[in-house]
């Protein structure tokens, strides 16, 4: 039986930082939030997590953010959401 994490830290980073080797995503983040499992499944079919103004559907196997709302709105262009390791 696998257990899914109850919380993640989601980082919002400029897209150009995703592949940068010199700067960590944590250092480049313009915003971060600890999101906790809501017990719901999002429209994507993945578990929903929420906290600090962020609602995210996260694939627990790949740790990929599949859907995201920031303060009730879609993510601005030029930003990416990553799960902090």
PDB file of N, CA and C in Angstrom:
ATOM      1  N   UNK A   1       0.839  -1.173   0.000  1.00  0.00           N
ATOM      2  CA  UNK A   1       0.000   0.000   0.000  1.00  0.00           C
ATOM      3  C   UNK A   1       0.888   1.242   0.000  1.00  0.00           C
ATOM      4  N   UNK A   2       0.606   2.180  -0.895  1.00  0.00           N
ATOM      5  CA  UNK A   2       1.380   3.411  -0.924  1.00  0.00           C
ATOM      6  C   UNK A   2       0.631   4.501  -0.186  1.00  0.00           C
ATOM      7  N   UNK A   3       1.369   5.347   0.438  1.00  0.00           N
ATOM      8  CA  UNK A   3       0.755   6.486   1.114  1.00  0.00           C
ATOM      9  C   UNK A   3       1.180   7.754   0.404  1.00  0.00           C
ATOM     10  N   UNK A   4       0.215   8.621   0.210  1.00  0.00           N
ATOM     11  CA  UNK A   4       0.497   9.885  -0.454  1.00  0.00           C
ATOM     12  C   UNK A   4       0.871  10.919   0.593  1.00  0.00           C
ATOM     13  N   UNK A   5       1.774  11.825   0.248  1.00  0.00           N
ATOM     14  CA  UNK A   5       2.140  12.880   1.197  1.00  0.00           C
ATOM     15  C   UNK A   5       0.930  13.730   1.570  1.00  0.00           C
ATOM     16  N   UNK A   6       0.931  14.225   2.761  1.00  0.00           N
ATOM     17  CA  UNK A   6      -0.147  15.083   3.232  1.00  0.00           C
ATOM     18  C   UNK A   6       0.104  16.551   2.916  1.00  0.00           C
ATOM     19  N   UNK A   7       1.366  16.887   2.612  1.00  0.00           N
ATOM     20  CA  UNK A   7       1.679  18.293   2.299  1.00  0.00           C
ATOM     21  C   UNK A   7       2.888  18.380   1.391  1.00  0.00           C
ATOM     22  N   UNK A   8       2.924  19.485   0.657  1.00  0.00           N
ATOM     23  CA  UNK A   8       4.036  19.810  -0.226  1.00  0.00           C
ATOM     24  C   UNK A   8       4.333  21.294  -0.087  1.00  0.00           C
ATOM     25  N   UNK A   9       5.534  21.675  -0.511  1.00  0.00           N
ATOM     26  CA  UNK A   9       5.840  23.088  -0.683  1.00  0.00           C
ATOM     27  C   UNK A   9       5.843  23.356  -2.178  1.00  0.00           C
ATOM     28  N   UNK A  10       4.998  24.296  -2.598  1.00  0.00           N
ATOM     29  CA  UNK A  10       4.907  24.675  -4.007  1.00  0.00           C
ATOM     30  C   UNK A  10       5.675  25.975  -4.192  1.00  0.00           C
ATOM     31  N   UNK A  11       6.554  26.001  -5.180  1.00  0.00           N
ATOM     32  CA  UNK A  11       7.341  27.197  -5.504  1.00  0.00           C
ATOM     33  C   UNK A  11       6.853  27.770  -6.829  1.00  0.00           C
ATOM     34  N   UNK A  12       6.660  29.070  -6.877  1.00  0.00           N
ATOM     35  CA  UNK A  12       6.359  29.761  -8.129  1.00  0.00           C
ATOM     36  C   UNK A  12       7.638  30.439  -8.571  1.00  0.00           C
ATOM     37  N   UNK A  13       8.141  30.023  -9.717  1.00  0.00           N
ATOM     38  CA  UNK A  13       9.432  30.515 -10.203  1.00  0.00           C
ATOM     39  C   UNK A  13       9.289  31.049 -11.625  1.00  0.00           C
ATOM     40  N   UNK A  14      10.116  32.031 -11.981  1.00  0.00           N
ATOM     41  CA  UNK A  14      10.144  32.475 -13.380  1.00  0.00           C
ATOM     42  C   UNK A  14      10.565  31.306 -14.259  1.00  0.00           C
ATOM     43  N   UNK A  15       9.946  31.181 -15.447  1.00  0.00           N
ATOM     44  CA  UNK A  15      10.242  30.043 -16.325  1.00  0.00           C
ATOM     45  C   UNK A  15      11.709  29.928 -16.691  1.00  0.00           C
ATOM     46  N   UNK A  16      12.398  31.044 -16.828  1.00  0.00           N
ATOM     47  CA  UNK A  16      13.802  30.970 -17.232  1.00  0.00           C
ATOM     48  C   UNK A  16      14.673  30.327 -16.168  1.00  0.00           C
ATOM     49  N   UNK A  17      14.183  30.209 -14.942  1.00  0.00           N
ATOM     50  CA  UNK A  17      14.971  29.622 -13.857  1.00  0.00           C
ATOM     51  C   UNK A  17      14.847  28.103 -13.846  1.00  0.00           C
ATOM     52  N   UNK A  18      13.807  27.561 -14.451  1.00  0.00           N
ATOM     53  CA  UNK A  18      13.579  26.109 -14.395  1.00  0.00           C
ATOM     54  C   UNK A  18      14.812  25.310 -14.797  1.00  0.00           C
ATOM     55  N   UNK A  19      15.508  25.727 -15.826  1.00  0.00           N
ATOM     56  CA  UNK A  19      16.649  24.978 -16.328  1.00  0.00           C
ATOM     57  C   UNK A  19      17.991  25.553 -15.877  1.00  0.00           C
ATOM     58  N   UNK A  20      17.967  26.624 -15.142  1.00  0.00           N
ATOM     59  CA  UNK A  20      19.224  27.251 -14.713  1.00  0.00           C
ATOM     60  C   UNK A  20      19.935  26.366 -13.695  1.00  0.00           C
ATOM     61  N   UNK A  21      21.217  26.218 -13.869  1.00  0.00           N
ATOM     62  CA  UNK A  21      21.986  25.383 -12.948  1.00  0.00           C
ATOM     63  C   UNK A  21      22.601  26.200 -11.816  1.00  0.00           C
ATOM     64  N   UNK A  22      22.798  27.488 -12.040  1.00  0.00           N
ATOM     65  CA  UNK A  22      23.490  28.311 -11.058  1.00  0.00           C
ATOM     66  C   UNK A  22      22.581  28.756  -9.913  1.00  0.00           C
ATOM     67  N   UNK A  23      21.271  28.770 -10.138  1.00  0.00           N
ATOM     68  CA  UNK A  23      20.338  29.261  -9.128  1.00  0.00           C
ATOM     69  C   UNK A  23      19.346  28.152  -8.801  1.00  0.00           C
ATOM     70  N   UNK A  24      19.131  27.916  -7.526  1.00  0.00           N
ATOM     71  CA  UNK A  24      18.153  26.902  -7.148  1.00  0.00           C
ATOM     72  C   UNK A  24      16.749  27.475  -7.286  1.00  0.00           C
ATOM     73  N   UNK A  25      15.788  26.606  -7.519  1.00  0.00           N
ATOM     74  CA  UNK A  25      14.394  27.039  -7.637  1.00  0.00           C
ATOM     75  C   UNK A  25      13.936  27.703  -6.344  1.00  0.00           C
ATOM     76  N   UNK A  26      14.391  27.189  -5.225  1.00  0.00           N
ATOM     77  CA  UNK A  26      14.000  27.773  -3.933  1.00  0.00           C
ATOM     78  C   UNK A  26      14.504  29.214  -3.811  1.00  0.00           C
ATOM     79  N   UNK A  27      15.734  29.465  -4.242  1.00  0.00           N
ATOM     80  CA  UNK A  27      16.289  30.821  -4.170  1.00  0.00           C
ATOM     81  C   UNK A  27      15.631  31.770  -5.158  1.00  0.00           C
ATOM     82  N   UNK A  28      15.179  31.239  -6.295  1.00  0.00           N
ATOM     83  CA  UNK A  28      14.591  32.071  -7.349  1.00  0.00           C
ATOM     84  C   UNK A  28      13.086  32.260  -7.198  1.00  0.00           C
ATOM     85  N   UNK A  29      12.458  31.543  -6.291  1.00  0.00           N
ATOM     86  CA  UNK A  29      11.002  31.597  -6.157  1.00  0.00           C
ATOM     87  C   UNK A  29      10.523  33.005  -5.820  1.00  0.00           C
ATOM     88  N   UNK A  30       9.459  33.407  -6.518  1.00  0.00           N
ATOM     89  CA  UNK A  30       8.839  34.693  -6.220  1.00  0.00           C
ATOM     90  C   UNK A  30       7.750  34.527  -5.166  1.00  0.00           C
ATOM     91  N   UNK A  31       7.350  33.273  -4.965  1.00  0.00           N
ATOM     92  CA  UNK A  31       6.361  32.965  -3.932  1.00  0.00           C
ATOM     93  C   UNK A  31       6.444  31.484  -3.634  1.00  0.00           C
ATOM     94  N   UNK A  32       6.189  31.145  -2.387  1.00  0.00           N
ATOM     95  CA  UNK A  32       6.126  29.736  -2.009  1.00  0.00           C
ATOM     96  C   UNK A  32       4.953  29.551  -1.052  1.00  0.00           C
ATOM     97  N   UNK A  33       4.460  28.335  -0.998  1.00  0.00           N
ATOM     98  CA  UNK A  33       3.344  28.036  -0.105  1.00  0.00           C
ATOM     99  C   UNK A  33       3.401  26.578   0.297  1.00  0.00           C
ATOM    100  N   UNK A  34       3.073  26.320   1.533  1.00  0.00           N
ATOM    101  CA  UNK A  34       2.903  24.954   2.001  1.00  0.00           C
ATOM    102  C   UNK A  34       1.434  24.623   1.779  1.00  0.00           C
ATOM    103  N   UNK A  35       1.189  23.601   0.968  1.00  0.00           N
ATOM    104  CA  UNK A  35      -0.176  23.182   0.681  1.00  0.00           C
ATOM    105  C   UNK A  35      -0.415  21.820   1.308  1.00  0.00           C
ATOM    106  N   UNK A  36      -1.617  21.641   1.851  1.00  0.00           N
ATOM    107  CA  UNK A  36      -1.961  20.387   2.519  1.00  0.00           C
ATOM    108  C   UNK A  36      -3.096  19.699   1.793  1.00  0.00           C
ATOM    109  N   UNK A  37      -3.132  18.391   1.890  1.00  0.00           N
ATOM    110  CA  UNK A  37      -4.173  17.596   1.243  1.00  0.00           C
ATOM    111  C   UNK A  37      -5.544  18.028   1.746  1.00  0.00           C
ATOM    112  N   UNK A  38      -6.476  18.181   0.796  1.00  0.00           N
ATOM    113  CA  UNK A  38      -7.843  18.554   1.156  1.00  0.00           C
ATOM    114  C   UNK A  38      -8.750  17.343   1.272  1.00  0.00           C
ATOM    115  N   UNK A  39      -8.281  16.194   0.762  1.00  0.00           N
ATOM    116  CA  UNK A  39      -9.113  14.997   0.738  1.00  0.00           C
ATOM    117  C   UNK A  39      -9.976  14.932  -0.515  1.00  0.00           C
ATOM    118  N   UNK A  40      -9.904  15.952  -1.346  1.00  0.00           N
ATOM    119  CA  UNK A  40     -10.667  15.994  -2.590  1.00  0.00           C
ATOM    120  C   UNK A  40      -9.775  15.590  -3.759  1.00  0.00           C
ATOM    121  N   UNK A  41     -10.417  15.226  -4.853  1.00  0.00           N
ATOM    122  CA  UNK A  41      -9.727  14.976  -6.105  1.00  0.00           C
ATOM    123  C   UNK A  41     -10.071  16.131  -7.032  1.00  0.00           C
ATOM    124  N   UNK A  42      -9.062  16.708  -7.665  1.00  0.00           N
ATOM    125  CA  UNK A  42      -9.284  17.826  -8.568  1.00  0.00           C
ATOM    126  C   UNK A  42      -9.836  17.371  -9.904  1.00  0.00           C
ATOM    127  N   UNK A  43     -10.159  18.335 -10.760  1.00  0.00           N
ATOM    128  CA  UNK A  43     -10.681  18.030 -12.089  1.00  0.00           C
ATOM    129  C   UNK A  43      -9.690  17.225 -12.921  1.00  0.00           C
ATOM    130  N   UNK A  44      -8.412  17.307 -12.587  1.00  0.00           N
ATOM    131  CA  UNK A  44      -7.384  16.568 -13.318  1.00  0.00           C
ATOM    132  C   UNK A  44      -7.354  15.092 -12.942  1.00  0.00           C
ATOM    133  N   UNK A  45      -8.028  14.744 -11.844  1.00  0.00           N
ATOM    134  CA  UNK A  45      -8.002  13.365 -11.358  1.00  0.00           C
ATOM    135  C   UNK A  45      -6.943  13.128 -10.296  1.00  0.00           C
ATOM    136  N   UNK A  46      -6.156  14.151 -10.000  1.00  0.00           N
ATOM    137  CA  UNK A  46      -5.103  14.041  -8.989  1.00  0.00           C
ATOM    138  C   UNK A  46      -5.576  14.665  -7.678  1.00  0.00           C
ATOM    139  N   UNK A  47      -4.938  14.278  -6.567  1.00  0.00           N
ATOM    140  CA  UNK A  47      -5.324  14.835  -5.273  1.00  0.00           C
ATOM    141  C   UNK A  47      -5.159  16.355  -5.250  1.00  0.00           C
ATOM    142  N   UNK A  48      -6.075  17.016  -4.547  1.00  0.00           N
ATOM    143  CA  UNK A  48      -6.044  18.473  -4.427  1.00  0.00           C
ATOM    144  C   UNK A  48      -5.386  18.861  -3.098  1.00  0.00           C
ATOM    145  N   UNK A  49      -4.557  19.897  -3.181  1.00  0.00           N
ATOM    146  CA  UNK A  49      -3.857  20.442  -2.021  1.00  0.00           C
ATOM    147  C   UNK A  49      -4.132  21.940  -1.968  1.00  0.00           C
ATOM    148  N   UNK A  50      -4.199  22.514  -0.769  1.00  0.00           N
ATOM    149  CA  UNK A  50      -4.487  23.943  -0.653  1.00  0.00           C
ATOM    150  C   UNK A  50      -3.778  24.524   0.560  1.00  0.00           C
ATOM    151  N   UNK A  51      -3.429  25.823   0.437  1.00  0.00           N
ATOM    152  CA  UNK A  51      -2.833  26.551   1.538  1.00  0.00           C
ATOM    153  C   UNK A  51      -2.174  27.832   1.072  1.00  0.00           C
ATOM    154  N   UNK A  52      -2.191  28.831   1.917  1.00  0.00           N
ATOM    155  CA  UNK A  52      -1.519  30.112   1.655  1.00  0.00           C
ATOM    156  C   UNK A  52      -1.930  30.734   0.322  1.00  0.00           C
ATOM    157  N   UNK A  53      -3.231  30.592  -0.045  1.00  0.00           N
ATOM    158  CA  UNK A  53      -3.725  31.199  -1.276  1.00  0.00           C
ATOM    159  C   UNK A  53      -3.501  30.390  -2.531  1.00  0.00           C
ATOM    160  N   UNK A  54      -2.944  29.195  -2.392  1.00  0.00           N
ATOM    161  CA  UNK A  54      -2.672  28.351  -3.557  1.00  0.00           C
ATOM    162  C   UNK A  54      -3.497  27.064  -3.458  1.00  0.00           C
ATOM    163  N   UNK A  55      -4.129  26.708  -4.574  1.00  0.00           N
ATOM    164  CA  UNK A  55      -4.847  25.439  -4.697  1.00  0.00           C
ATOM    165  C   UNK A  55      -4.203  24.703  -5.860  1.00  0.00           C
ATOM    166  N   UNK A  56      -3.762  23.482  -5.613  1.00  0.00           N
ATOM    167  CA  UNK A  56      -3.027  22.741  -6.637  1.00  0.00           C
ATOM    168  C   UNK A  56      -3.466  21.287  -6.676  1.00  0.00           C
ATOM    169  N   UNK A  57      -3.584  20.758  -7.898  1.00  0.00           N
ATOM    170  CA  UNK A  57      -3.729  19.317  -8.100  1.00  0.00           C
ATOM    171  C   UNK A  57      -2.317  18.808  -8.374  1.00  0.00           C
ATOM    172  N   UNK A  58      -1.855  17.871  -7.553  1.00  0.00           N
ATOM    173  CA  UNK A  58      -0.475  17.391  -7.649  1.00  0.00           C
ATOM    174  C   UNK A  58      -0.461  15.881  -7.844  1.00  0.00           C
ATOM    175  N   UNK A  59       0.299  15.434  -8.841  1.00  0.00           N
ATOM    176  CA  UNK A  59       0.507  14.010  -9.071  1.00  0.00           C
ATOM    177  C   UNK A  59       1.540  13.543  -8.047  1.00  0.00           C
ATOM    178  N   UNK A  60       1.149  12.733  -7.072  1.00  0.00           N
ATOM    179  CA  UNK A  60       2.087  12.325  -6.022  1.00  0.00           C
ATOM    180  C   UNK A  60       3.231  11.437  -6.522  1.00  0.00           C
ATOM    181  N   UNK A  61       3.027  10.709  -7.625  1.00  0.00           N
ATOM    182  CA  UNK A  61       4.094   9.845  -8.139  1.00  0.00           C
ATOM    183  C   UNK A  61       5.210  10.650  -8.791  1.00  0.00           C
ATOM    184  N   UNK A  62       4.839  11.607  -9.627  1.00  0.00           N
ATOM    185  CA  UNK A  62       5.868  12.392 -10.327  1.00  0.00           C
ATOM    186  C   UNK A  62       6.160  13.723  -9.646  1.00  0.00           C
ATOM    187  N   UNK A  63       5.369  14.073  -8.639  1.00  0.00           N
ATOM    188  CA  UNK A  63       5.495  15.355  -7.931  1.00  0.00           C
ATOM    189  C   UNK A  63       5.363  16.521  -8.911  1.00  0.00           C
ATOM    190  N   UNK A  64       4.422  16.385  -9.848  1.00  0.00           N
ATOM    191  CA  UNK A  64       4.163  17.406 -10.852  1.00  0.00           C
ATOM    192  C   UNK A  64       2.886  18.149 -10.502  1.00  0.00           C
ATOM    193  N   UNK A  65       2.925  19.469 -10.614  1.00  0.00           N
ATOM    194  CA  UNK A  65       1.731  20.281 -10.419  1.00  0.00           C
ATOM    195  C   UNK A  65       0.930  20.209 -11.718  1.00  0.00           C
ATOM    196  N   UNK A  66      -0.248  19.607 -11.655  1.00  0.00           N
ATOM    197  CA  UNK A  66      -1.076  19.393 -12.841  1.00  0.00           C
ATOM    198  C   UNK A  66      -2.079  20.523 -13.065  1.00  0.00           C
ATOM    199  N   UNK A  67      -2.494  21.208 -12.014  1.00  0.00           N
ATOM    200  CA  UNK A  67      -3.410  22.346 -12.105  1.00  0.00           C
ATOM    201  C   UNK A  67      -3.125  23.259 -10.927  1.00  0.00           C
ATOM    202  N   UNK A  68      -3.368  24.561 -11.131  1.00  0.00           N
ATOM    203  CA  UNK A  68      -2.978  25.514 -10.086  1.00  0.00           C
ATOM    204  C   UNK A  68      -3.820  26.772 -10.156  1.00  0.00           C
ATOM    205  N   UNK A  69      -4.247  27.248  -8.995  1.00  0.00           N
ATOM    206  CA  UNK A  69      -4.850  28.567  -8.850  1.00  0.00           C
ATOM    207  C   UNK A  69      -4.060  29.314  -7.786  1.00  0.00           C
ATOM    208  N   UNK A  70      -3.764  30.568  -8.061  1.00  0.00           N
ATOM    209  CA  UNK A  70      -3.051  31.420  -7.115  1.00  0.00           C
ATOM    210  C   UNK A  70      -3.975  32.571  -6.767  1.00  0.00           C
ATOM    211  N   UNK A  71      -4.375  32.645  -5.515  1.00  0.00           N
ATOM    212  CA  UNK A  71      -5.331  33.659  -5.073  1.00  0.00           C
ATOM    213  C   UNK A  71      -6.571  33.669  -5.955  1.00  0.00           C
ATOM    214  N   UNK A  72      -7.027  32.472  -6.355  1.00  0.00           N
ATOM    215  CA  UNK A  72      -8.240  32.315  -7.140  1.00  0.00           C
ATOM    216  C   UNK A  72      -8.100  32.522  -8.632  1.00  0.00           C
ATOM    217  N   UNK A  73      -6.897  32.805  -9.114  1.00  0.00           N
ATOM    218  CA  UNK A  73      -6.673  33.058 -10.542  1.00  0.00           C
ATOM    219  C   UNK A  73      -5.640  32.083 -11.096  1.00  0.00           C
ATOM    220  N   UNK A  74      -5.652  31.942 -12.423  1.00  0.00           N
ATOM    221  CA  UNK A  74      -4.649  31.109 -13.076  1.00  0.00           C
ATOM    222  C   UNK A  74      -3.274  31.738 -12.932  1.00  0.00           C
ATOM    223  N   UNK A  75      -2.259  30.931 -13.080  1.00  0.00           N
ATOM    224  CA  UNK A  75      -0.881  31.378 -12.957  1.00  0.00           C
ATOM    225  C   UNK A  75      -0.530  32.339 -14.092  1.00  0.00           C
ATOM    226  N   UNK A  76       0.152  33.423 -13.753  1.00  0.00           N
ATOM    227  CA  UNK A  76       0.567  34.395 -14.765  1.00  0.00           C
ATOM    228  C   UNK A  76       1.551  33.768 -15.738  1.00  0.00           C
ATOM    229  N   UNK A  77       1.499  34.256 -16.991  1.00  0.00           N
ATOM    230  CA  UNK A  77       2.478  33.815 -17.989  1.00  0.00           C
ATOM    231  C   UNK A  77       3.882  34.147 -17.500  1.00  0.00           C
ATOM    232  N   UNK A  78       4.808  33.272 -17.803  1.00  0.00           N
ATOM    233  CA  UNK A  78       6.195  33.498 -17.414  1.00  0.00           C
ATOM    234  C   UNK A  78       6.550  32.877 -16.079  1.00  0.00           C
ATOM    235  N   UNK A  79       5.560  32.304 -15.397  1.00  0.00           N
ATOM    236  CA  UNK A  79       5.820  31.641 -14.125  1.00  0.00           C
ATOM    237  C   UNK A  79       5.507  30.159 -14.244  1.00  0.00           C
ATOM    238  N   UNK A  80       6.223  29.370 -13.482  1.00  0.00           N
ATOM    239  CA  UNK A  80       5.991  27.929 -13.413  1.00  0.00           C
ATOM    240  C   UNK A  80       5.839  27.536 -11.956  1.00  0.00           C
ATOM    241  N   UNK A  81       5.111  26.462 -11.743  1.00  0.00           N
ATOM    242  CA  UNK A  81       4.937  25.933 -10.387  1.00  0.00           C
ATOM    243  C   UNK A  81       5.704  24.631 -10.266  1.00  0.00           C
ATOM    244  N   UNK A  82       6.503  24.545  -9.220  1.00  0.00           N
ATOM    245  CA  UNK A  82       7.320  23.354  -8.969  1.00  0.00           C
ATOM    246  C   UNK A  82       7.071  22.879  -7.539  1.00  0.00           C
ATOM    247  N   UNK A  83       7.200  21.580  -7.325  1.00  0.00           N
ATOM    248  CA  UNK A  83       7.147  21.040  -5.985  1.00  0.00           C
ATOM    249  C   UNK A  83       8.567  20.997  -5.474  1.00  0.00           C
ATOM    250  N   UNK A  84       8.799  21.610  -4.317  1.00  0.00           N
ATOM    251  CA  UNK A  84      10.132  21.642  -3.729  1.00  0.00           C
ATOM    252  C   UNK A  84      10.491  20.261  -3.216  1.00  0.00           C
ATOM    253  N   UNK A  85      11.731  19.873  -3.484  1.00  0.00           N
ATOM    254  CA  UNK A  85      12.171  18.539  -3.059  1.00  0.00           C
ATOM    255  C   UNK A  85      12.639  18.518  -1.633  1.00  0.00           C
TER     256      UNK A  85
END
